[in-house]
Protein backbone atom coordinates (compact mmCIF):
# COMPACT_ATOMS: atom_id res chain seq x y z
CA MET A 1 120.32 138.03 104.10
CA GLU A 2 120.13 139.28 107.92
CA VAL A 3 118.65 136.99 110.68
CA GLN A 4 118.37 137.57 114.27
CA LEU A 5 118.70 134.14 116.27
CA ILE A 6 117.09 134.08 119.68
CA TYR A 7 118.15 131.25 121.66
CA HIS A 8 115.93 129.55 124.12
CA GLY A 9 116.26 127.39 127.31
CA LYS A 10 119.65 125.72 128.20
CA LEU A 11 121.10 127.13 124.59
CA THR A 12 121.27 130.69 126.25
CA GLU A 13 123.33 129.09 129.25
CA VAL A 14 125.54 127.15 126.64
CA LEU A 15 126.23 130.10 124.37
CA LYS A 16 126.01 132.66 127.13
CA ARG A 17 123.94 134.99 124.90
CA ALA A 18 120.16 134.91 124.54
CA THR A 19 120.31 136.66 120.71
CA GLU A 20 122.67 137.51 117.76
CA SER A 21 122.34 139.10 114.62
CA VAL A 22 124.23 137.04 111.85
CA HIS A 23 124.43 137.56 107.89
CA THR A 24 123.68 134.18 106.15
CA GLU A 25 123.65 132.85 102.86
CA ALA A 26 121.67 129.91 103.88
CA LEU A 27 118.41 129.33 102.00
CA THR A 28 117.02 126.56 104.12
CA ALA A 29 116.76 125.55 107.91
CA ALA A 30 119.30 122.67 107.14
CA ASP A 31 121.75 125.22 105.85
CA LEU A 32 121.14 127.49 108.61
CA ALA A 33 121.34 124.98 111.24
CA SER A 34 124.80 123.67 109.50
CA GLU A 35 126.02 127.71 109.93
CA VAL A 36 124.81 127.89 113.58
CA LEU A 37 127.20 124.70 114.26
CA THR A 38 129.86 126.34 112.45
CA LEU A 39 129.45 129.66 114.45
CA HIS A 40 129.15 127.78 117.94
CA PRO A 41 130.96 124.52 117.91
CA THR A 42 129.83 124.00 121.66
CA LEU A 43 126.61 123.06 120.20
CA VAL A 44 127.99 120.33 118.41
CA GLY A 45 126.37 117.04 119.86
CA ASN A 46 123.17 119.45 121.28
CA THR A 47 119.95 119.08 119.48
CA PHE A 48 118.11 121.87 118.38
CA GLN A 49 115.10 123.02 116.66
CA LEU A 50 114.54 126.23 114.62
CA ALA A 51 111.52 128.07 114.22
CA GLN A 52 110.23 131.27 111.95
CA ASN A 53 106.85 132.81 112.25
CA ASN A 54 105.79 130.41 115.21
CA THR A 55 106.35 127.59 112.71
CA ILE A 56 109.04 124.62 113.29
CA ILE A 57 111.15 124.64 110.27
CA SER A 58 113.79 121.73 109.18
CA GLY A 59 115.29 120.12 106.17
CA HIS A 60 114.78 121.94 103.02
CA ASP A 61 111.90 124.55 104.28
CA PRO A 62 113.18 127.74 103.17
CA ILE A 63 114.02 130.59 105.70
CA ALA A 64 113.44 134.30 105.37
CA GLU A 65 114.95 137.43 106.52
CA GLY A 66 113.88 138.07 110.25
CA ILE A 67 113.81 136.36 113.34
CA VAL A 68 114.67 132.60 113.69
CA ASP A 69 114.04 131.01 117.15
CA VAL A 70 116.64 128.28 117.91
CA PHE A 71 115.02 125.88 120.57
CA PRO A 72 116.50 123.02 122.56
CA PRO A 73 114.69 119.81 122.78
CA PHE A 74 111.41 119.92 124.51
CA SER A 75 108.39 117.38 125.00
CA GLY A 76 104.72 118.09 125.19
CA GLY A 77 102.58 117.21 127.82
């Protein structure tokens, strides 16, 4: 499937890009996160979260074709 990764915050600085389209075989958030680290070894050691359809996804949460946001750590207040 095709997903468009949209990077936010410091991740855009680290990767020197804000978006990219990738073909993935990932079915879960954990699989996609692993693929992101394989694509961008500079992110190893950085914490990030994935979101799809305005919902944070992780672990065994399924992903769908479309847009996936990639967020650096953030805190609420």
